[in-house]
PDB file of N, CA and C in Angstrom:
ATOM      1  N   PHE A   1     -33.397  21.294  99.728  1.00  0.00           N
ATOM      2  CA  PHE A   1     -33.636  22.696  99.964  1.00  0.00           C
ATOM      3  C   PHE A   1     -32.801  23.559  99.018  1.00  0.00           C
ATOM      4  N   VAL A   2     -31.540  23.145  98.827  1.00  0.00           N
ATOM      5  CA  VAL A   2     -30.657  23.871  97.917  1.00  0.00           C
ATOM      6  C   VAL A   2     -31.170  23.761  96.492  1.00  0.00           C
ATOM      7  N   ALA A   3     -31.714  22.590  96.151  1.00  0.00           N
ATOM      8  CA  ALA A   3     -32.251  22.400  94.796  1.00  0.00           C
ATOM      9  C   ALA A   3     -33.453  23.308  94.565  1.00  0.00           C
ATOM     10  N   LEU A   4     -34.311  23.438  95.568  1.00  0.00           N
ATOM     11  CA  LEU A   4     -35.470  24.322  95.453  1.00  0.00           C
ATOM     12  C   LEU A   4     -35.032  25.774  95.285  1.00  0.00           C
ATOM     13  N   LEU A   5     -34.060  26.172  96.084  1.00  0.00           N
ATOM     14  CA  LEU A   5     -33.526  27.527  95.986  1.00  0.00           C
ATOM     15  C   LEU A   5     -32.931  27.776  94.606  1.00  0.00           C
ATOM     16  N   SER A   6     -32.123  26.835  94.151  1.00  0.00           N
ATOM     17  CA  SER A   6     -31.482  26.998  92.848  1.00  0.00           C
ATOM     18  C   SER A   6     -32.499  27.027  91.722  1.00  0.00           C
ATOM     19  N   ALA A   7     -33.484  26.145  91.786  1.00  0.00           N
ATOM     20  CA  ALA A   7     -34.496  26.101  90.728  1.00  0.00           C
ATOM     21  C   ALA A   7     -35.292  27.398  90.697  1.00  0.00           C
ATOM     22  N   ASP A   8     -35.617  27.936  91.860  1.00  0.00           N
ATOM     23  CA  ASP A   8     -36.374  29.178  91.917  1.00  0.00           C
ATOM     24  C   ASP A   8     -35.588  30.325  91.282  1.00  0.00           C
ATOM     25  N   VAL A   9     -34.325  30.440  91.663  1.00  0.00           N
ATOM     26  CA  VAL A   9     -33.506  31.526  91.119  1.00  0.00           C
ATOM     27  C   VAL A   9     -33.270  31.335  89.625  1.00  0.00           C
ATOM     28  N   LEU A  10     -32.984  30.102  89.213  1.00  0.00           N
ATOM     29  CA  LEU A  10     -32.684  29.860  87.804  1.00  0.00           C
ATOM     30  C   LEU A  10     -33.899  30.092  86.917  1.00  0.00           C
ATOM     31  N   LEU A  11     -35.085  29.687  87.375  1.00  0.00           N
ATOM     32  CA  LEU A  11     -36.276  29.821  86.544  1.00  0.00           C
ATOM     33  C   LEU A  11     -36.830  31.240  86.552  1.00  0.00           C
ATOM     34  N   ARG A  12     -36.907  31.871  87.731  1.00  0.00           N
ATOM     35  CA  ARG A  12     -37.549  33.183  87.807  1.00  0.00           C
ATOM     36  C   ARG A  12     -36.598  34.334  87.527  1.00  0.00           C
ATOM     37  N   VAL A  13     -35.369  34.276  88.019  1.00  0.00           N
ATOM     38  CA  VAL A  13     -34.460  35.412  87.908  1.00  0.00           C
ATOM     39  C   VAL A  13     -33.585  35.302  86.664  1.00  0.00           C
ATOM     40  N   ARG A  14     -32.961  34.172  86.489  1.00  0.00           N
ATOM     41  CA  ARG A  14     -32.027  34.030  85.366  1.00  0.00           C
ATOM     42  C   ARG A  14     -32.729  33.624  84.075  1.00  0.00           C
ATOM     43  N   GLY A  15     -33.977  33.173  84.125  1.00  0.00           N
ATOM     44  CA  GLY A  15     -34.762  32.914  82.938  1.00  0.00           C
ATOM     45  C   GLY A  15     -34.383  31.676  82.149  1.00  0.00           C
ATOM     46  N   VAL A  16     -33.919  30.617  82.820  1.00  0.00           N
ATOM     47  CA  VAL A  16     -33.602  29.363  82.127  1.00  0.00           C
ATOM     48  C   VAL A  16     -34.917  28.708  81.742  1.00  0.00           C
ATOM     49  N   GLN A  17     -35.090  28.378  80.475  1.00  0.00           N
ATOM     50  CA  GLN A  17     -36.360  27.843  79.980  1.00  0.00           C
ATOM     51  C   GLN A  17     -36.293  26.349  79.673  1.00  0.00           C
ATOM     52  N   GLN A  18     -35.158  25.821  79.281  1.00  0.00           N
ATOM     53  CA  GLN A  18     -35.084  24.433  78.848  1.00  0.00           C
ATOM     54  C   GLN A  18     -34.341  23.608  79.896  1.00  0.00           C
ATOM     55  N   TYR A  19     -34.768  22.344  79.988  1.00  0.00           N
ATOM     56  CA  TYR A  19     -34.176  21.461  80.991  1.00  0.00           C
ATOM     57  C   TYR A  19     -32.711  21.147  80.682  1.00  0.00           C
ATOM     58  N   GLN A  20     -32.332  21.182  79.430  1.00  0.00           N
ATOM     59  CA  GLN A  20     -30.949  20.896  79.071  1.00  0.00           C
ATOM     60  C   GLN A  20     -30.000  21.973  79.609  1.00  0.00           C
ATOM     61  N   ASP A  21     -30.513  23.154  79.808  1.00  0.00           N
ATOM     62  CA  ASP A  21     -29.680  24.257  80.287  1.00  0.00           C
ATOM     63  C   ASP A  21     -29.630  24.363  81.816  1.00  0.00           C
ATOM     64  N   LEU A  22     -30.360  23.498  82.542  1.00  0.00           N
ATOM     65  CA  LEU A  22     -30.425  23.624  84.003  1.00  0.00           C
ATOM     66  C   LEU A  22     -29.103  23.293  84.686  1.00  0.00           C
ATOM     67  N   PHE A  23     -28.462  22.195  84.307  1.00  0.00           N
ATOM     68  CA  PHE A  23     -27.235  21.812  85.013  1.00  0.00           C
ATOM     69  C   PHE A  23     -26.110  22.825  84.817  1.00  0.00           C
ATOM     70  N   PRO A  24     -25.810  23.245  83.579  1.00  0.00           N
ATOM     71  CA  PRO A  24     -24.773  24.273  83.447  1.00  0.00           C
ATOM     72  C   PRO A  24     -25.142  25.585  84.140  1.00  0.00           C
ATOM     73  N   ALA A  25     -26.420  25.943  84.124  1.00  0.00           N
ATOM     74  CA  ALA A  25     -26.852  27.172  84.811  1.00  0.00           C
ATOM     75  C   ALA A  25     -26.737  27.008  86.321  1.00  0.00           C
ATOM     76  N   PHE A  26     -27.014  25.790  86.819  1.00  0.00           N
ATOM     77  CA  PHE A  26     -26.887  25.497  88.253  1.00  0.00           C
ATOM     78  C   PHE A  26     -25.435  25.668  88.698  1.00  0.00           C
ATOM     79  N   VAL A  27     -24.518  25.100  87.941  1.00  0.00           N
ATOM     80  CA  VAL A  27     -23.092  25.198  88.285  1.00  0.00           C
ATOM     81  C   VAL A  27     -22.636  26.653  88.214  1.00  0.00           C
ATOM     82  N   ARG A  28     -23.047  27.353  87.188  1.00  0.00           N
ATOM     83  CA  ARG A  28     -22.659  28.755  87.034  1.00  0.00           C
ATOM     84  C   ARG A  28     -23.237  29.621  88.154  1.00  0.00           C
ATOM     85  N   PHE A  29     -24.481  29.340  88.564  1.00  0.00           N
ATOM     86  CA  PHE A  29     -25.116  30.109  89.633  1.00  0.00           C
ATOM     87  C   PHE A  29     -24.355  29.943  90.946  1.00  0.00           C
ATOM     88  N   TRP A  30     -24.025  28.706  91.325  1.00  0.00           N
ATOM     89  CA  TRP A  30     -23.319  28.497  92.589  1.00  0.00           C
ATOM     90  C   TRP A  30     -21.876  28.977  92.514  1.00  0.00           C
ATOM     91  N   PHE A  31     -21.292  28.979  91.332  1.00  0.00           N
ATOM     92  CA  PHE A  31     -19.973  29.592  91.184  1.00  0.00           C
ATOM     93  C   PHE A  31     -20.077  31.096  91.450  1.00  0.00           C
ATOM     94  N   ASP A  32     -21.132  31.725  90.925  1.00  0.00           N
ATOM     95  CA  ASP A  32     -21.347  33.152  91.179  1.00  0.00           C
ATOM     96  C   ASP A  32     -21.615  33.432  92.649  1.00  0.00           C
ATOM     97  N   VAL A  33     -22.320  32.518  93.308  1.00  0.00           N
ATOM     98  CA  VAL A  33     -22.599  32.700  94.744  1.00  0.00           C
ATOM     99  C   VAL A  33     -21.298  32.661  95.533  1.00  0.00           C
ATOM    100  N   PHE A  34     -20.454  31.684  95.245  1.00  0.00           N
ATOM    101  CA  PHE A  34     -19.214  31.542  96.008  1.00  0.00           C
ATOM    102  C   PHE A  34     -18.182  32.608  95.666  1.00  0.00           C
ATOM    103  N   THR A  35     -18.263  33.199  94.505  1.00  0.00           N
ATOM    104  CA  THR A  35     -17.341  34.281  94.155  1.00  0.00           C
ATOM    105  C   THR A  35     -17.944  35.658  94.417  1.00  0.00           C
ATOM    106  N   LEU A  36     -19.129  35.679  95.037  1.00  0.00           N
ATOM    107  CA  LEU A  36     -19.820  36.909  95.432  1.00  0.00           C
ATOM    108  C   LEU A  36     -20.107  37.832  94.240  1.00  0.00           C
ATOM    109  N   SER A  37     -20.499  37.250  93.128  1.00  0.00           N
ATOM    110  CA  SER A  37     -20.810  38.067  91.954  1.00  0.00           C
ATOM    111  C   SER A  37     -22.258  37.867  91.509  1.00  0.00           C
ATOM    112  N   THR A  38     -23.175  37.775  92.464  1.00  0.00           N
ATOM    113  CA  THR A  38     -24.590  37.638  92.143  1.00  0.00           C
ATOM    114  C   THR A  38     -25.250  39.009  92.103  1.00  0.00           C
ATOM    115  N   SER A  39     -26.445  39.057  91.536  1.00  0.00           N
ATOM    116  CA  SER A  39     -27.166  40.335  91.466  1.00  0.00           C
ATOM    117  C   SER A  39     -27.864  40.614  92.794  1.00  0.00           C
ATOM    118  N   VAL A  40     -28.422  41.786  92.921  1.00  0.00           N
ATOM    119  CA  VAL A  40     -29.116  42.187  94.151  1.00  0.00           C
ATOM    120  C   VAL A  40     -30.338  41.314  94.388  1.00  0.00           C
ATOM    121  N   VAL A  41     -31.083  41.036  93.331  1.00  0.00           N
ATOM    122  CA  VAL A  41     -32.287  40.209  93.464  1.00  0.00           C
ATOM    123  C   VAL A  41     -31.916  38.797  93.906  1.00  0.00           C
ATOM    124  N   GLU A  42     -30.848  38.249  93.358  1.00  0.00           N
ATOM    125  CA  GLU A  42     -30.415  36.902  93.749  1.00  0.00           C
ATOM    126  C   GLU A  42     -29.953  36.874  95.202  1.00  0.00           C
ATOM    127  N   ARG A  43     -29.269  37.908  95.632  1.00  0.00           N
ATOM    128  CA  ARG A  43     -28.842  37.967  97.036  1.00  0.00           C
ATOM    129  C   ARG A  43     -30.031  38.054  97.970  1.00  0.00           C
ATOM    130  N   LYS A  44     -31.074  38.797  97.589  1.00  0.00           N
ATOM    131  CA  LYS A  44     -32.277  38.888  98.422  1.00  0.00           C
ATOM    132  C   LYS A  44     -32.986  37.538  98.502  1.00  0.00           C
ATOM    133  N   ILE A  45     -33.043  36.837  97.378  1.00  0.00           N
ATOM    134  CA  ILE A  45     -33.675  35.512  97.380  1.00  0.00           C
ATOM    135  C   ILE A  45     -32.858  34.532  98.217  1.00  0.00           C
ATOM    136  N   LEU A  46     -31.537  34.577  98.099  1.00  0.00           N
ATOM    137  CA  LEU A  46     -30.680  33.722  98.924  1.00  0.00           C
ATOM    138  C   LEU A  46     -30.873  34.023 100.405  1.00  0.00           C
ATOM    139  N   TRP A  47     -30.951  35.295 100.757  1.00  0.00           N
ATOM    140  CA  TRP A  47     -31.160  35.685 102.150  1.00  0.00           C
ATOM    141  C   TRP A  47     -32.507  35.174 102.661  1.00  0.00           C
ATOM    142  N   PHE A  48     -33.561  35.362 101.859  1.00  0.00           N
ATOM    143  CA  PHE A  48     -34.887  34.920 102.269  1.00  0.00           C
ATOM    144  C   PHE A  48     -34.911  33.410 102.487  1.00  0.00           C
ATOM    145  N   TYR A  49     -34.377  32.666 101.522  1.00  0.00           N
ATOM    146  CA  TYR A  49     -34.413  31.208 101.650  1.00  0.00           C
ATOM    147  C   TYR A  49     -33.544  30.710 102.792  1.00  0.00           C
ATOM    148  N   SER A  50     -32.439  31.353 103.064  1.00  0.00           N
ATOM    149  CA  SER A  50     -31.600  30.904 104.177  1.00  0.00           C
ATOM    150  C   SER A  50     -32.298  31.165 105.518  1.00  0.00           C
ATOM    151  N   VAL A  51     -32.891  32.334 105.679  1.00  0.00           N
ATOM    152  CA  VAL A  51     -33.603  32.630 106.928  1.00  0.00           C
ATOM    153  C   VAL A  51     -34.833  31.743 107.070  1.00  0.00           C
ATOM    154  N   PHE A  52     -35.572  31.580 105.996  1.00  0.00           N
ATOM    155  CA  PHE A  52     -36.757  30.724 106.012  1.00  0.00           C
ATOM    156  C   PHE A  52     -36.375  29.273 106.290  1.00  0.00           C
ATOM    157  N   GLY A  53     -35.290  28.815 105.688  1.00  0.00           N
ATOM    158  CA  GLY A  53     -34.840  27.431 105.896  1.00  0.00           C
ATOM    159  C   GLY A  53     -34.396  27.185 107.322  1.00  0.00           C
ATOM    160  N   PHE A  54     -33.620  28.116 107.887  1.00  0.00           N
ATOM    161  CA  PHE A  54     -33.201  27.954 109.283  1.00  0.00           C
ATOM    162  C   PHE A  54     -34.389  28.033 110.224  1.00  0.00           C
ATOM    163  N   GLY A  55     -35.370  28.839 109.881  1.00  0.00           N
ATOM    164  CA  GLY A  55     -36.591  28.888 110.691  1.00  0.00           C
ATOM    165  C   GLY A  55     -37.334  27.571 110.677  1.00  0.00           C
ATOM    166  N   LEU A  56     -37.424  26.953 109.517  1.00  0.00           N
ATOM    167  CA  LEU A  56     -38.085  25.648 109.435  1.00  0.00           C
ATOM    168  C   LEU A  56     -37.300  24.568 110.166  1.00  0.00           C
ATOM    169  N   LEU A  57     -35.985  24.625 110.063  1.00  0.00           N
ATOM    170  CA  LEU A  57     -35.173  23.616 110.740  1.00  0.00           C
ATOM    171  C   LEU A  57     -35.211  23.764 112.259  1.00  0.00           C
ATOM    172  N   SER A  58     -35.433  24.970 112.751  1.00  0.00           N
ATOM    173  CA  SER A  58     -35.473  25.168 114.200  1.00  0.00           C
ATOM    174  C   SER A  58     -36.877  25.004 114.781  1.00  0.00           C
ATOM    175  N   ALA A  59     -37.875  24.802 113.951  1.00  0.00           N
ATOM    176  CA  ALA A  59     -39.255  24.691 114.425  1.00  0.00           C
ATOM    177  C   ALA A  59     -39.471  23.569 115.439  1.00  0.00           C
ATOM    178  N   PRO A  60     -38.863  22.384 115.310  1.00  0.00           N
ATOM    179  CA  PRO A  60     -39.098  21.347 116.328  1.00  0.00           C
ATOM    180  C   PRO A  60     -38.617  21.728 117.720  1.00  0.00           C
ATOM    181  N   PHE A  61     -37.650  22.631 117.811  1.00  0.00           N
ATOM    182  CA  PHE A  61     -37.103  22.997 119.114  1.00  0.00           C
ATOM    183  C   PHE A  61     -37.911  24.090 119.817  1.00  0.00           C
ATOM    184  N   VAL A  62     -38.863  24.657 119.133  1.00  0.00           N
ATOM    185  CA  VAL A  62     -39.709  25.686 119.745  1.00  0.00           C
ATOM    186  C   VAL A  62     -40.549  25.073 120.856  1.00  0.00           C
ATOM    187  N   ALA A  63     -40.940  23.820 120.706  1.00  0.00           N
ATOM    188  CA  ALA A  63     -41.761  23.158 121.731  1.00  0.00           C
ATOM    189  C   ALA A  63     -41.039  23.090 123.072  1.00  0.00           C
ATOM    190  N   PHE A  64     -39.709  23.008 123.079  1.00  0.00           N
ATOM    191  CA  PHE A  64     -38.963  22.949 124.337  1.00  0.00           C
ATOM    192  C   PHE A  64     -38.986  24.277 125.082  1.00  0.00           C
ATOM    193  N   ARG A  65     -39.279  25.368 124.409  1.00  0.00           N
ATOM    194  CA  ARG A  65     -39.306  26.676 125.038  1.00  0.00           C
ATOM    195  C   ARG A  65     -40.684  27.052 125.574  1.00  0.00           C
ATOM    196  N   LEU A  66     -41.717  26.293 125.272  1.00  0.00           N
ATOM    197  CA  LEU A  66     -43.054  26.597 125.772  1.00  0.00           C
ATOM    198  C   LEU A  66     -43.108  26.322 127.272  1.00  0.00           C
ATOM    199  N   PRO A  67     -43.857  27.132 128.034  1.00  0.00           N
ATOM    200  CA  PRO A  67     -43.776  27.069 129.499  1.00  0.00           C
ATOM    201  C   PRO A  67     -44.112  25.714 130.120  1.00  0.00           C
ATOM    202  N   TYR A  68     -45.167  25.050 129.743  1.00  0.00           N
ATOM    203  CA  TYR A  68     -45.553  23.812 130.420  1.00  0.00           C
ATOM    204  C   TYR A  68     -45.149  22.576 129.640  1.00  0.00           C
ATOM    205  N   ILE A  69     -45.011  22.694 128.340  1.00  0.00           N
ATOM    206  CA  ILE A  69     -44.698  21.536 127.517  1.00  0.00           C
ATOM    207  C   ILE A  69     -43.215  21.178 127.615  1.00  0.00           C
ATOM    208  N   GLY A  70     -42.342  22.172 127.553  1.00  0.00           N
ATOM    209  CA  GLY A  70     -40.903  21.925 127.590  1.00  0.00           C
ATOM    210  C   GLY A  70     -40.441  21.203 128.842  1.00  0.00           C
ATOM    211  N   PRO A  71     -40.744  21.704 130.042  1.00  0.00           N
ATOM    212  CA  PRO A  71     -40.300  21.007 131.251  1.00  0.00           C
ATOM    213  C   PRO A  71     -40.891  19.602 131.389  1.00  0.00           C
ATOM    214  N   SER A  72     -42.120  19.391 130.939  1.00  0.00           N
ATOM    215  CA  SER A  72     -42.696  18.051 131.056  1.00  0.00           C
ATOM    216  C   SER A  72     -42.057  17.086 130.063  1.00  0.00           C
ATOM    217  N   MET A  73     -41.602  17.596 128.918  1.00  0.00           N
ATOM    218  CA  MET A  73     -40.943  16.719 127.946  1.00  0.00           C
ATOM    219  C   MET A  73     -39.511  16.399 128.365  1.00  0.00           C
ATOM    220  N   LEU A  74     -38.806  17.363 128.926  1.00  0.00           N
ATOM    221  CA  LEU A  74     -37.400  17.157 129.271  1.00  0.00           C
ATOM    222  C   LEU A  74     -37.218  16.485 130.627  1.00  0.00           C
ATOM    223  N   GLN A  75     -38.039  16.824 131.609  1.00  0.00           N
ATOM    224  CA  GLN A  75     -37.989  16.273 132.966  1.00  0.00           C
ATOM    225  C   GLN A  75     -36.584  16.364 133.566  1.00  0.00           C
ATOM    226  N   LEU A  76     -36.033  17.571 133.561  1.00  0.00           N
ATOM    227  CA  LEU A  76     -34.689  17.790 134.082  1.00  0.00           C
ATOM    228  C   LEU A  76     -34.719  17.960 135.593  1.00  0.00           C
ATOM    229  N   VAL A  77     -33.649  17.541 136.246  1.00  0.00           N
ATOM    230  CA  VAL A  77     -33.483  17.696 137.683  1.00  0.00           C
ATOM    231  C   VAL A  77     -32.247  18.553 137.898  1.00  0.00           C
ATOM    232  N   LYS A  78     -32.349  19.548 138.779  1.00  0.00           N
ATOM    233  CA  LYS A  78     -31.198  20.406 139.042  1.00  0.00           C
ATOM    234  C   LYS A  78     -30.088  19.578 139.674  1.00  0.00           C
ATOM    235  N   SER A  79     -28.869  19.792 139.201  1.00  0.00           N
ATOM    236  CA  SER A  79     -27.731  19.063 139.732  1.00  0.00           C
ATOM    237  C   SER A  79     -26.525  19.984 139.790  1.00  0.00           C
ATOM    238  N   GLY A  80     -25.507  19.539 140.495  1.00  0.00           N
ATOM    239  CA  GLY A  80     -24.285  20.313 140.625  1.00  0.00           C
ATOM    240  C   GLY A  80     -23.158  19.397 141.062  1.00  0.00           C
ATOM    241  N   TYR A  81     -21.968  19.939 141.215  1.00  0.00           N
ATOM    242  CA  TYR A  81     -20.810  19.153 141.598  1.00  0.00           C
ATOM    243  C   TYR A  81     -20.483  19.383 143.062  1.00  0.00           C
ATOM    244  N   ASP A  82     -20.095  18.319 143.771  1.00  0.00           N
ATOM    245  CA  ASP A  82     -19.684  18.464 145.159  1.00  0.00           C
ATOM    246  C   ASP A  82     -18.189  18.755 145.221  1.00  0.00           C
ATOM    247  N   ARG A  83     -17.627  18.757 146.445  1.00  0.00           N
ATOM    248  CA  ARG A  83     -16.209  19.110 146.621  1.00  0.00           C
ATOM    249  C   ARG A  83     -15.271  18.093 145.972  1.00  0.00           C
ATOM    250  N   HIS A  84     -15.737  16.871 145.821  1.00  0.00           N
ATOM    251  CA  HIS A  84     -14.896  15.813 145.255  1.00  0.00           C
ATOM    252  C   HIS A  84     -15.045  15.700 143.743  1.00  0.00           C
ATOM    253  N   GLY A  85     -15.838  16.576 143.138  1.00  0.00           N
ATOM    254  CA  GLY A  85     -16.000  16.575 141.696  1.00  0.00           C
ATOM    255  C   GLY A  85     -17.043  15.613 141.178  1.00  0.00           C
ATOM    256  N   LYS A  86     -17.853  15.050 142.081  1.00  0.00           N
ATOM    257  CA  LYS A  86     -18.892  14.114 141.666  1.00  0.00           C
ATOM    258  C   LYS A  86     -20.191  14.883 141.425  1.00  0.00           C
ATOM    259  N   LEU A  87     -20.932  14.435 140.443  1.00  0.00           N
ATOM    260  CA  LEU A  87     -22.201  15.085 140.115  1.00  0.00           C
ATOM    261  C   LEU A  87     -23.264  14.659 141.117  1.00  0.00           C
ATOM    262  N   ARG A  88     -23.931  15.633 141.707  1.00  0.00           N
ATOM    263  CA  ARG A  88     -24.960  15.374 142.717  1.00  0.00           C
ATOM    264  C   ARG A  88     -26.207  16.188 142.391  1.00  0.00           C
ATOM    265  N   PHE A  89     -27.339  15.718 142.887  1.00  0.00           N
ATOM    266  CA  PHE A  89     -28.568  16.488 142.765  1.00  0.00           C
ATOM    267  C   PHE A  89     -28.543  17.631 143.762  1.00  0.00           C
ATOM    268  N   ILE A  90     -29.085  18.773 143.393  1.00  0.00           N
ATOM    269  CA  ILE A  90     -29.169  19.900 144.310  1.00  0.00           C
ATOM    270  C   ILE A  90     -30.350  19.651 145.238  1.00  0.00           C
ATOM    271  N   MET A  91     -30.071  19.713 146.548  1.00  0.00           N
ATOM    272  CA  MET A  91     -31.096  19.385 147.535  1.00  0.00           C
ATOM    273  C   MET A  91     -31.631  20.649 148.195  1.00  0.00           C
ATOM    274  N   ASN A  92     -32.872  20.555 148.636  1.00  0.00           N
ATOM    275  CA  ASN A  92     -33.414  21.672 149.403  1.00  0.00           C
ATOM    276  C   ASN A  92     -32.894  21.576 150.842  1.00  0.00           C
ATOM    277  N   GLU A  93     -33.228  22.548 151.668  1.00  0.00           N
ATOM    278  CA  GLU A  93     -32.656  22.628 153.014  1.00  0.00           C
ATOM    279  C   GLU A  93     -33.054  21.441 153.889  1.00  0.00           C
ATOM    280  N   ALA A  94     -34.293  21.005 153.793  1.00  0.00           N
ATOM    281  CA  ALA A  94     -34.754  19.881 154.619  1.00  0.00           C
ATOM    282  C   ALA A  94     -34.008  18.599 154.269  1.00  0.00           C
ATOM    283  N   ARG A  95     -33.790  18.359 152.994  1.00  0.00           N
ATOM    284  CA  ARG A  95     -33.064  17.151 152.587  1.00  0.00           C
ATOM    285  C   ARG A  95     -31.590  17.235 152.985  1.00  0.00           C
ATOM    286  N   MET A  96     -31.008  18.466 152.978  1.00  0.00           N
ATOM    287  CA  MET A  96     -29.613  18.619 153.407  1.00  0.00           C
ATOM    288  C   MET A  96     -29.459  18.297 154.897  1.00  0.00           C
ATOM    289  N   ILE A  97     -30.378  18.797 155.702  1.00  0.00           N
ATOM    290  CA  ILE A  97     -30.332  18.530 157.146  1.00  0.00           C
ATOM    291  C   ILE A  97     -30.501  17.042 157.408  1.00  0.00           C
ATOM    292  N   ASP A  98     -31.441  16.413 156.713  1.00  0.00           N
ATOM    293  CA  ASP A  98     -31.673  14.984 156.878  1.00  0.00           C
ATOM    294  C   ASP A  98     -30.428  14.179 156.491  1.00  0.00           C
ATOM    295  N   LYS A  99     -29.795  14.540 155.400  1.00  0.00           N
ATOM    296  CA  LYS A  99     -28.592  13.840 154.955  1.00  0.00           C
ATOM    297  C   LYS A  99     -27.453  14.048 155.954  1.00  0.00           C
ATOM    298  N   TYR A 100     -27.309  15.264 156.454  1.00  0.00           N
ATOM    299  CA  TYR A 100     -26.260  15.544 157.433  1.00  0.00           C
ATOM    300  C   TYR A 100     -26.458  14.716 158.699  1.00  0.00           C
ATOM    301  N   GLU A 101     -27.683  14.629 159.174  1.00  0.00           N
ATOM    302  CA  GLU A 101     -27.954  13.841 160.381  1.00  0.00           C
ATOM    303  C   GLU A 101     -27.698  12.358 160.151  1.00  0.00           C
ATOM    304  N   ARG A 102     -28.050  11.850 158.971  1.00  0.00           N
ATOM    305  CA  ARG A 102     -27.779  10.440 158.670  1.00  0.00           C
ATOM    306  C   ARG A 102     -26.275  10.172 158.589  1.00  0.00           C
ATOM    307  N   GLU A 103     -25.517  11.118 158.040  1.00  0.00           N
ATOM    308  CA  GLU A 103     -24.075  10.927 157.942  1.00  0.00           C
ATOM    309  C   GLU A 103     -23.383  11.067 159.292  1.00  0.00           C
ATOM    310  N   GLN A 104     -23.900  11.917 160.184  1.00  0.00           N
ATOM    311  CA  GLN A 104     -23.264  12.150 161.475  1.00  0.00           C
ATOM    312  C   GLN A 104     -23.670  11.130 162.525  1.00  0.00           C
ATOM    313  N   ALA A 105     -24.761  10.443 162.349  1.00  0.00           N
ATOM    314  CA  ALA A 105     -25.239   9.495 163.355  1.00  0.00           C
ATOM    315  C   ALA A 105     -24.225   8.390 163.632  1.00  0.00           C
ATOM    316  N   PRO A 106     -23.603   7.732 162.668  1.00  0.00           N
ATOM    317  CA  PRO A 106     -22.607   6.696 162.994  1.00  0.00           C
ATOM    318  C   PRO A 106     -21.385   7.266 163.689  1.00  0.00           C
ATOM    319  N   ARG A 107     -20.983   8.476 163.408  1.00  0.00           N
ATOM    320  CA  ARG A 107     -19.811   9.081 164.031  1.00  0.00           C
ATOM    321  C   ARG A 107     -20.062   9.392 165.507  1.00  0.00           C
ATOM    322  N   ARG A 108     -21.267   9.788 165.828  1.00  0.00           N
ATOM    323  CA  ARG A 108     -21.605  10.137 167.219  1.00  0.00           C
ATOM    324  C   ARG A 108     -21.700   8.896 168.101  1.00  0.00           C
ATOM    325  N   SER A 109     -22.150   7.795 167.528  1.00  0.00           N
ATOM    326  CA  SER A 109     -22.422   6.615 168.346  1.00  0.00           C
ATOM    327  C   SER A 109     -21.222   5.692 168.479  1.00  0.00           C
ATOM    328  N   VAL A 110     -20.110   5.946 167.837  1.00  0.00           N
ATOM    329  CA  VAL A 110     -18.944   5.068 167.911  1.00  0.00           C
ATOM    330  C   VAL A 110     -18.296   5.217 169.285  1.00  0.00           C
ATOM    331  N   GLY A 111     -18.271   4.141 170.048  1.00  0.00           N
ATOM    332  CA  GLY A 111     -17.600   4.121 171.346  1.00  0.00           C
ATOM    333  C   GLY A 111     -18.284   4.931 172.422  1.00  0.00           C
ATOM    334  N   LYS A 112     -19.468   5.377 172.240  1.00  0.00           N
ATOM    335  CA  LYS A 112     -20.160   6.182 173.238  1.00  0.00           C
ATOM    336  C   LYS A 112     -21.448   5.489 173.639  1.00  0.00           C
ATOM    337  N   LYS A 113     -21.800   5.719 174.891  1.00  0.00           N
ATOM    338  CA  LYS A 113     -23.054   5.197 175.393  1.00  0.00           C
ATOM    339  C   LYS A 113     -24.168   6.164 175.020  1.00  0.00           C
ATOM    340  N   ARG A 114     -25.291   5.616 174.570  1.00  0.00           N
ATOM    341  CA  ARG A 114     -26.445   6.455 174.241  1.00  0.00           C
ATOM    342  C   ARG A 114     -27.108   6.935 175.525  1.00  0.00           C
ATOM    343  N   HIS A 115     -27.409   8.206 175.593  1.00  0.00           N
ATOM    344  CA  HIS A 115     -28.066   8.780 176.763  1.00  0.00           C
ATOM    345  C   HIS A 115     -29.525   9.017 176.455  1.00  0.00           C
ATOM    346  N   THR A 116     -30.303   8.884 177.467  1.00  0.00           N
ATOM    347  CA  THR A 116     -31.723   9.184 177.301  1.00  0.00           C
ATOM    348  C   THR A 116     -31.916  10.682 177.445  1.00  0.00           C
ATOM    349  N   LYS A 117     -33.114  11.128 177.210  1.00  0.00           N
ATOM    350  CA  LYS A 117     -33.380  12.561 177.142  1.00  0.00           C
ATOM    351  C   LYS A 117     -33.165  13.270 178.481  1.00  0.00           C
ATOM    352  N   GLY A 118     -33.552  12.692 179.560  1.00  0.00           N
ATOM    353  CA  GLY A 118     -33.450  13.349 180.850  1.00  0.00           C
ATOM    354  C   GLY A 118     -32.099  13.165 181.530  1.00  0.00           C
ATOM    355  N   GLU A 119     -31.286  12.264 181.051  1.00  0.00           N
ATOM    356  CA  GLU A 119     -30.016  11.951 181.682  1.00  0.00           C
ATOM    357  C   GLU A 119     -28.944  12.979 181.317  1.00  0.00           C
ATOM    358  N   LYS A 120     -28.080  13.306 182.274  1.00  0.00           N
ATOM    359  CA  LYS A 120     -27.020  14.280 182.030  1.00  0.00           C
ATOM    360  C   LYS A 120     -25.802  13.574 181.429  1.00  0.00           C
ATOM    361  N   CYS A 121     -25.091  14.328 180.564  1.00  0.00           N
ATOM    362  CA  CYS A 121     -23.892  13.783 179.916  1.00  0.00           C
ATOM    363  C   CYS A 121     -22.659  14.435 180.514  1.00  0.00           C
ATOM    364  N   SER A 122     -21.629  13.675 180.612  1.00  0.00           N
ATOM    365  CA  SER A 122     -20.354  14.189 181.083  1.00  0.00           C
ATOM    366  C   SER A 122     -19.467  14.475 179.880  1.00  0.00           C
ATOM    367  N   LEU A 123     -18.780  15.595 179.886  1.00  0.00           N
ATOM    368  CA  LEU A 123     -17.886  15.937 178.785  1.00  0.00           C
ATOM    369  C   LEU A 123     -16.475  15.426 179.024  1.00  0.00           C
ATOM    370  N   VAL A 124     -16.194  14.868 180.207  1.00  0.00           N
ATOM    371  CA  VAL A 124     -14.848  14.409 180.525  1.00  0.00           C
ATOM    372  C   VAL A 124     -14.671  12.965 180.162  1.00  0.00           C
TER     373      VAL A 124
END
C-alpha cells in the first residue's frame, strides 16, 4: 500500500520519469513526509490514501455490525461476574428462581421430616 502511494506521488506530483530515479526519489519523499516539508498536493494525496486504506482495512469488520448477520456469526451469550468473581451467564428470572430452589432444596431437607401438603408443621 505504501509502495502504491509512493509511486502515485512520485510519478504524478514529483514527475519522476526514469526507473533509475525512483529509489532516491522514494527515500527523499518519505524524508520530506517525516520532516513535514511536503507540498499541499502531496499532503492531500497522503490524506486520501490513508483514509481510503483504513477504510479498506476495516471493511471485513462491517459485517459484524449488520443487524442479523453479526449476531449469527458471533453467537455471543450475555455473561457477568458473581460475588465470588467467577464468570457466569446472565439468567432470566425464571432460571434464577429455578436455580435458587435447586440450591435451597438440600438445605431444607437436612435433618427434617418431609411434610405432605395437608399436614401441619410445628415451628418448635
